[in-house]
C-alpha atoms as a PDB file:
ATOM      1  CA  MET A   1     -61.107 -14.543  54.586  1.00  0.00           C
ATOM      2  CA  PRO A   2     -60.008 -16.231  51.291  1.00  0.00           C
ATOM      3  CA  ARG A   3     -62.052 -17.579  48.874  1.00  0.00           C
ATOM      4  CA  ARG A   4     -63.220 -20.691  48.445  1.00  0.00           C
ATOM      5  CA  GLU A   5     -63.623 -21.359  44.689  1.00  0.00           C
ATOM      6  CA  ILE A   6     -63.209 -24.626  42.801  1.00  0.00           C
ATOM      7  CA  THR A   7     -63.695 -25.051  38.906  1.00  0.00           C
ATOM      8  CA  VAL A   8     -65.660 -27.974  38.089  1.00  0.00           C
ATOM      9  CA  HIS A   9     -67.076 -29.653  34.960  1.00  0.00           C
ATOM     10  CA  SER A  10     -70.939 -29.705  34.541  1.00  0.00           C
ATOM     11  CA  LYS A  11     -70.997 -33.416  34.939  1.00  0.00           C
ATOM     12  CA  THR A  12     -69.087 -33.275  38.319  1.00  0.00           C
ATOM     13  CA  PRO A  13     -72.108 -34.612  40.314  1.00  0.00           C
ATOM     14  CA  MET A  14     -73.746 -32.030  42.477  1.00  0.00           C
ATOM     15  CA  PRO A  15     -72.279 -31.644  46.025  1.00  0.00           C
ATOM     16  CA  GLU A  16     -75.274 -32.508  48.820  1.00  0.00           C
ATOM     17  CA  GLY A  17     -77.213 -29.307  49.740  1.00  0.00           C
ATOM     18  CA  TYR A  18     -76.250 -27.593  46.936  1.00  0.00           C
ATOM     19  CA  ALA A  19     -78.202 -25.887  43.935  1.00  0.00           C
ATOM     20  CA  PHE A  20     -76.816 -24.700  40.427  1.00  0.00           C
ATOM     21  CA  LEU A  21     -77.141 -20.878  39.560  1.00  0.00           C
ATOM     22  CA  ARG A  22     -77.009 -20.552  35.837  1.00  0.00           C
ATOM     23  CA  LYS A  23     -74.551 -17.548  34.419  1.00  0.00           C
ATOM     24  CA  GLY A  24     -76.130 -14.525  32.984  1.00  0.00           C
ATOM     25  CA  ILE A  25     -78.372 -13.170  36.020  1.00  0.00           C
ATOM     26  CA  PRO A  26     -75.624 -10.764  37.828  1.00  0.00           C
ATOM     27  CA  TYR A  27     -77.798  -9.789  40.820  1.00  0.00           C
ATOM     28  CA  LYS A  28     -78.047 -13.586  41.597  1.00  0.00           C
ATOM     29  CA  THR A  29     -74.406 -14.486  40.920  1.00  0.00           C
ATOM     30  CA  LEU A  30     -73.059 -11.364  42.847  1.00  0.00           C
ATOM     31  CA  HIS A  31     -75.081 -12.308  46.021  1.00  0.00           C
ATOM     32  CA  CYS A  32     -74.718 -15.846  45.789  1.00  0.00           C
ATOM     33  CA  ARG A  33     -71.159 -15.292  45.531  1.00  0.00           C
ATOM     34  CA  ARG A  34     -70.737 -13.068  48.494  1.00  0.00           C
ATOM     35  CA  LEU A  35     -73.217 -14.831  50.781  1.00  0.00           C
ATOM     36  CA  THR A  36     -71.237 -18.118  50.506  1.00  0.00           C
ATOM     37  CA  HIS A  37     -68.003 -16.488  50.940  1.00  0.00           C
ATOM     38  CA  GLU A  38     -68.993 -14.840  53.937  1.00  0.00           C
ATOM     39  CA  ALA A  39     -70.524 -18.031  55.195  1.00  0.00           C
ATOM     40  CA  GLY A  40     -67.147 -19.812  54.937  1.00  0.00           C
ATOM     41  CA  LYS A  41     -68.592 -22.314  52.407  1.00  0.00           C
ATOM     42  CA  GLN A  42     -67.338 -23.860  49.130  1.00  0.00           C
ATOM     43  CA  LEU A  43     -68.159 -22.260  45.858  1.00  0.00           C
ATOM     44  CA  TYR A  44     -68.076 -24.097  42.709  1.00  0.00           C
ATOM     45  CA  VAL A  45     -67.797 -22.562  39.300  1.00  0.00           C
ATOM     46  CA  VAL A  46     -69.017 -24.747  36.787  1.00  0.00           C
ATOM     47  CA  GLU A  47     -67.702 -25.057  33.224  1.00  0.00           C
ATOM     48  CA  ASP A  48     -67.808 -26.895  30.005  1.00  0.00           C
ATOM     49  CA  ASN A  49     -65.286 -26.623  27.327  1.00  0.00           C
ATOM     50  CA  LYS A  50     -63.723 -23.888  29.242  1.00  0.00           C
ATOM     51  CA  LYS A  51     -67.098 -21.821  28.999  1.00  0.00           C
ATOM     52  CA  ILE A  52     -68.583 -20.845  32.453  1.00  0.00           C
ATOM     53  CA  LEU A  53     -72.121 -22.125  32.655  1.00  0.00           C
ATOM     54  CA  GLY A  54     -72.985 -21.142  36.225  1.00  0.00           C
ATOM     55  CA  ILE A  55     -71.914 -21.463  39.860  1.00  0.00           C
ATOM     56  CA  ARG A  56     -73.057 -24.184  42.272  1.00  0.00           C
ATOM     57  CA  VAL A  57     -73.675 -22.454  45.885  1.00  0.00           C
ATOM     58  CA  PRO A  58     -75.323 -23.689  49.205  1.00  0.00           C
ATOM     59  CA  LYS A  59     -79.275 -24.527  48.869  1.00  0.00           C
ATOM     60  CA  SER A  60     -79.847 -21.972  51.832  1.00  0.00           C
ATOM     61  CA  ILE A  61     -78.046 -19.292  50.096  1.00  0.00           C
ATOM     62  CA  PHE A  62     -79.618 -19.977  46.524  1.00  0.00           C
ATOM     63  CA  PHE A  63     -83.028 -19.895  47.869  1.00  0.00           C
ATOM     64  CA  ASN A  64     -82.355 -16.914  50.145  1.00  0.00           C
ATOM     65  CA  VAL A  65     -81.272 -14.979  46.923  1.00  0.00           C
ATOM     66  CA  GLN A  66     -83.686 -16.064  44.697  1.00  0.00           C
ATOM     67  CA  SER A  67     -86.718 -14.666  47.344  1.00  0.00           C
ATOM     68  CA  ALA A  68     -84.181 -11.225  47.730  1.00  0.00           C
ATOM     69  CA  ALA A  69     -84.354 -10.848  43.966  1.00  0.00           C
ATOM     70  CA  LYS A  70     -87.903 -11.658  43.500  1.00  0.00           C
ATOM     71  CA  GLU A  71     -88.857  -8.994  46.391  1.00  0.00           C
ATOM     72  CA  THR A  72     -86.317  -6.522  45.255  1.00  0.00           C
ATOM     73  CA  LEU A  73     -87.045  -6.663  41.230  1.00  0.00           C
ATOM     74  CA  PRO A  74     -89.425  -3.421  41.148  1.00  0.00           C
ATOM     75  CA  SER A  75     -86.938  -1.055  42.793  1.00  0.00           C
ATOM     76  CA  ARG A  76     -83.906  -2.630  40.939  1.00  0.00           C
ATOM     77  CA  ARG A  77     -85.491  -1.863  37.807  1.00  0.00           C
ATOM     78  CA  LEU A  78     -86.839   1.495  38.868  1.00  0.00           C
ATOM     79  CA  ALA A  79     -83.007   2.460  39.535  1.00  0.00           C
ATOM     80  CA  THR A  80     -82.070   0.603  36.192  1.00  0.00           C
ATOM     81  CA  GLU A  81     -84.359   3.090  34.340  1.00  0.00           C
ATOM     82  CA  LYS A  82     -83.291   6.239  36.133  1.00  0.00           C
ATOM     83  CA  ARG A  83     -79.418   5.115  35.322  1.00  0.00           C
ATOM     84  CA  ASP A  84     -80.362   4.680  31.656  1.00  0.00           C
ATOM     85  CA  THR A  85     -82.054   7.874  31.743  1.00  0.00           C
ATOM     86  CA  ALA A  86     -79.218   9.738  32.886  1.00  0.00           C
ATOM     87  CA  VAL A  87     -76.799   8.195  30.523  1.00  0.00           C
ATOM     88  CA  ILE A  88     -79.260   9.240  27.582  1.00  0.00           C
ATOM     89  CA  ARG A  89     -79.818  12.872  29.002  1.00  0.00           C
ATOM     90  CA  GLY A  90     -76.055  13.267  29.239  1.00  0.00           C
ATOM     91  CA  ALA A  91     -75.204  12.260  25.972  1.00  0.00           C
ATOM     92  CA  ALA A  92     -77.896  14.699  24.393  1.00  0.00           C
ATOM     93  CA  ALA A  93     -76.326  17.323  26.309  1.00  0.00           C
ATOM     94  CA  GLU A  94     -73.124  16.540  25.221  1.00  0.00           C
ATOM     95  CA  LEU A  95     -74.327  16.182  21.478  1.00  0.00           C
ATOM     96  CA  SER A  96     -75.947  19.403  21.889  1.00  0.00           C
ATOM     97  CA  LYS A  97     -72.520  21.122  23.348  1.00  0.00           C
ATOM     98  CA  GLN A  98     -70.106  19.626  20.852  1.00  0.00           C
ATOM     99  CA  PHE A  99     -72.455  19.504  17.725  1.00  0.00           C
ATOM    100  CA  PRO A 100     -75.067  22.429  18.222  1.00  0.00           C
ATOM    101  CA  ALA A 101     -75.986  22.695  14.278  1.00  0.00           C
ATOM    102  CA  ILE A 102     -76.969  18.502  14.201  1.00  0.00           C
ATOM    103  CA  PRO A 103     -80.318  18.203  12.875  1.00  0.00           C
ATOM    104  CA  GLU A 104     -82.965  17.021  15.287  1.00  0.00           C
ATOM    105  CA  GLY A 105     -83.257  13.625  13.246  1.00  0.00           C
ATOM    106  CA  GLU A 106     -79.700  13.142  13.294  1.00  0.00           C
ATOM    107  CA  ARG A 107     -79.210  13.370  16.883  1.00  0.00           C
ATOM    108  CA  GLU A 108     -82.159  11.329  18.007  1.00  0.00           C
ATOM    109  CA  ALA A 109     -80.513   8.682  15.605  1.00  0.00           C
ATOM    110  CA  VAL A 110     -77.247   8.932  17.108  1.00  0.00           C
ATOM    111  CA  LEU A 111     -78.824   8.381  20.431  1.00  0.00           C
ATOM    112  CA  THR A 112     -80.860   5.557  19.700  1.00  0.00           C
ATOM    113  CA  HIS A 113     -77.859   3.877  18.031  1.00  0.00           C
ATOM    114  CA  GLY A 114     -74.763   4.590  19.601  1.00  0.00           C
ATOM    115  CA  PHE A 115     -76.027   4.525  22.948  1.00  0.00           C
ATOM    116  CA  ARG A 116     -78.456   1.690  22.831  1.00  0.00           C
ATOM    117  CA  LYS A 117     -78.199  -0.618  25.924  1.00  0.00           C
ATOM    118  CA  TYR A 118     -76.341  -4.042  25.135  1.00  0.00           C
ATOM    119  CA  SER A 119     -75.740  -2.822  21.781  1.00  0.00           C
ATOM    120  CA  GLY A 120     -71.877  -3.190  22.394  1.00  0.00           C
ATOM    121  CA  ARG A 121     -71.801   0.611  20.873  1.00  0.00           C
ATOM    122  CA  VAL A 122     -69.085   3.191  21.698  1.00  0.00           C
ATOM    123  CA  GLY A 123     -72.111   5.051  23.647  1.00  0.00           C
ATOM    124  CA  ARG A 124     -71.922   2.474  26.120  1.00  0.00           C
ATOM    125  CA  THR A 125     -68.601   1.595  27.156  1.00  0.00           C
ATOM    126  CA  ALA A 126     -67.156   2.625  30.558  1.00  0.00           C
ATOM    127  CA  GLN A 127     -63.752   3.148  29.363  1.00  0.00           C
ATOM    128  CA  ILE A 128     -63.548   6.625  27.877  1.00  0.00           C
ATOM    129  CA  PRO A 129     -65.181   9.749  28.808  1.00  0.00           C
ATOM    130  CA  LEU A 130     -68.597  10.985  27.699  1.00  0.00           C
ATOM    131  CA  SER A 131     -67.165  13.911  25.439  1.00  0.00           C
ATOM    132  CA  ARG A 132     -65.255  11.181  23.424  1.00  0.00           C
ATOM    133  CA  LYS A 133     -68.021   9.057  23.361  1.00  0.00           C
ATOM    134  CA  ALA A 134     -70.205  11.448  21.636  1.00  0.00           C
ATOM    135  CA  GLN A 135     -67.582  12.289  19.204  1.00  0.00           C
ATOM    136  CA  LEU A 136     -67.218   8.661  18.139  1.00  0.00           C
ATOM    137  CA  ALA A 137     -70.636   8.119  17.986  1.00  0.00           C
ATOM    138  CA  VAL A 138     -71.336  10.827  15.669  1.00  0.00           C
ATOM    139  CA  ILE A 139     -68.261   9.777  13.342  1.00  0.00           C
ATOM    140  CA  ALA A 140     -69.593   6.335  13.301  1.00  0.00           C
ATOM    141  CA  HIS A 141     -72.998   7.443  12.497  1.00  0.00           C
ATOM    142  CA  ILE A 142     -72.027   9.727   9.763  1.00  0.00           C
ATOM    143  CA  ARG A 143     -69.680   7.029   8.328  1.00  0.00           C
ATOM    144  CA  HIS A 144     -72.446   4.463   8.344  1.00  0.00           C
ATOM    145  CA  GLN A 145     -75.213   6.476   7.422  1.00  0.00           C
ATOM    146  CA  HIS A 146     -73.907   9.320   4.997  1.00  0.00           C
ATOM    147  CA  THR A 147     -70.947   7.782   3.249  1.00  0.00           C
ATOM    148  CA  LYS A 148     -70.743   5.147   0.887  1.00  0.00           C
ATOM    149  CA  TYR A 149     -68.298   3.118   3.578  1.00  0.00           C
ATOM    150  CA  ASP A 150     -70.593  -0.168   3.933  1.00  0.00           C
ATOM    151  CA  GLN A 151     -70.845  -0.443   0.128  1.00  0.00           C
ATOM    152  CA  LEU A 152     -67.111  -0.339   0.116  1.00  0.00           C
ATOM    153  CA  LEU A 153     -66.501  -2.706   2.493  1.00  0.00           C
ATOM    154  CA  GLU A 154     -69.334  -5.108   0.707  1.00  0.00           C
ATOM    155  CA  ASP A 155     -67.336  -4.689  -2.384  1.00  0.00           C
ATOM    156  CA  GLY A 156     -64.313  -5.821  -0.861  1.00  0.00           C
ATOM    157  CA  MET A 157     -61.982  -3.039   0.315  1.00  0.00           C
ATOM    158  CA  ASP A 158     -60.153  -3.117   3.402  1.00  0.00           C
ATOM    159  CA  ARG A 159     -61.450  -1.149   6.214  1.00  0.00           C
ATOM    160  CA  ASP A 160     -58.388   1.285   6.329  1.00  0.00           C
ATOM    161  CA  ALA A 161     -59.006   2.260   2.422  1.00  0.00           C
ATOM    162  CA  ALA A 162     -62.529   2.683   2.793  1.00  0.00           C
ATOM    163  CA  ARG A 163     -62.239   5.102   5.742  1.00  0.00           C
ATOM    164  CA  ARG A 164     -59.849   7.063   3.892  1.00  0.00           C
ATOM    165  CA  ILE A 165     -62.099   7.586   0.938  1.00  0.00           C
ATOM    166  CA  VAL A 166     -64.854   8.851   3.444  1.00  0.00           C
ATOM    167  CA  GLN A 167     -62.524  10.668   5.766  1.00  0.00           C
ATOM    168  CA  SER A 168     -63.423  14.316   3.930  1.00  0.00           C
ATOM    169  CA  LYS A 169     -67.046  13.612   3.879  1.00  0.00           C
ATOM    170  CA  ILE A 170     -67.057  12.947   7.530  1.00  0.00           C
ATOM    171  CA  GLN A 171     -65.134  15.712   8.708  1.00  0.00           C
ATOM    172  CA  ASN A 172     -67.305  18.140   6.217  1.00  0.00           C
ATOM    173  CA  MET A 173     -70.441  17.033   7.982  1.00  0.00           C
ATOM    174  CA  LEU A 174     -68.931  17.337  11.375  1.00  0.00           C
ATOM    175  CA  ARG A 175     -68.087  21.026  10.435  1.00  0.00           C
ATOM    176  CA  ASP A 176     -71.496  21.312   9.157  1.00  0.00           C
ATOM    177  CA  TRP A 177     -72.940  20.095  12.469  1.00  0.00           C
ATOM    178  CA  GLY A 178     -71.114  22.816  14.173  1.00  0.00           C
ATOM    179  CA  SER A 179     -68.114  21.070  15.603  1.00  0.00           C
ATOM    180  CA  LYS A 180     -64.808  23.331  16.386  1.00  0.00           C
ATOM    181  CA  GLU A 181     -63.110  20.029  17.081  1.00  0.00           C
ATOM    182  CA  ASP A 182     -59.751  19.286  14.958  1.00  0.00           C
ATOM    183  CA  PHE A 183     -60.602  15.464  14.675  1.00  0.00           C
ATOM    184  CA  SER A 184     -56.962  14.631  13.379  1.00  0.00           C
ATOM    185  CA  TRP A 185     -56.351  12.270  16.056  1.00  0.00           C
ATOM    186  CA  TYR A 186     -59.310  10.252  15.045  1.00  0.00           C
ATOM    187  CA  PHE A 187     -58.578  10.123  11.401  1.00  0.00           C
ATOM    188  CA  HIS A 188     -55.031   9.169  12.067  1.00  0.00           C
ATOM    189  CA  ASN A 189     -55.890   6.439  14.760  1.00  0.00           C
ATOM    190  CA  GLU A 190     -56.745   3.295  13.315  1.00  0.00           C
ATOM    191  CA  ASP A 191     -57.553   1.376  16.661  1.00  0.00           C
ATOM    192  CA  ASP A 192     -60.984   3.317  17.337  1.00  0.00           C
ATOM    193  CA  SER A 193     -63.885   1.362  18.663  1.00  0.00           C
ATOM    194  CA  SER A 194     -66.518   3.301  17.036  1.00  0.00           C
ATOM    195  CA  GLU A 195     -67.921   0.776  14.641  1.00  0.00           C
END
């Protein structure tokens, strides 16, 4: 069954029998979209200035999904907490494995900052393996907490020059924290995502 979606402007009149679901509620959006398609009904993607604001779906589907979302909220929250706990537990194990001499306070700071949910930090990306995420999170932590990197940037130095200046300090701390890895891959790669 082909997807039936039309993009409309926010000022386009609401079709009769439809309701608007604003963007930002993944559970509701996913289910409203899927059920609308399964019912063979038209779905309207609402945008303004090329920014998606939400979707318009049949009211019956909208209200059924609203009800299901309310009923399943406690179980979905519990499942999310379990996943988040598993992510932090896995990251903690990886840090202990790769950096066995990392001080406990530093380890906790890396976990809290580098793996914080919705932070946009490297630890939360799904694009790279956990072992690399742990390395990048530790490097970023050292760079921002144990070097003059941020001050160099504030003083007007460009990012690459500032990174070259703090490179040896970072490498020394990585060794002090028990890493056996050769991080030359990192220090020669200017396009990392570990800010």
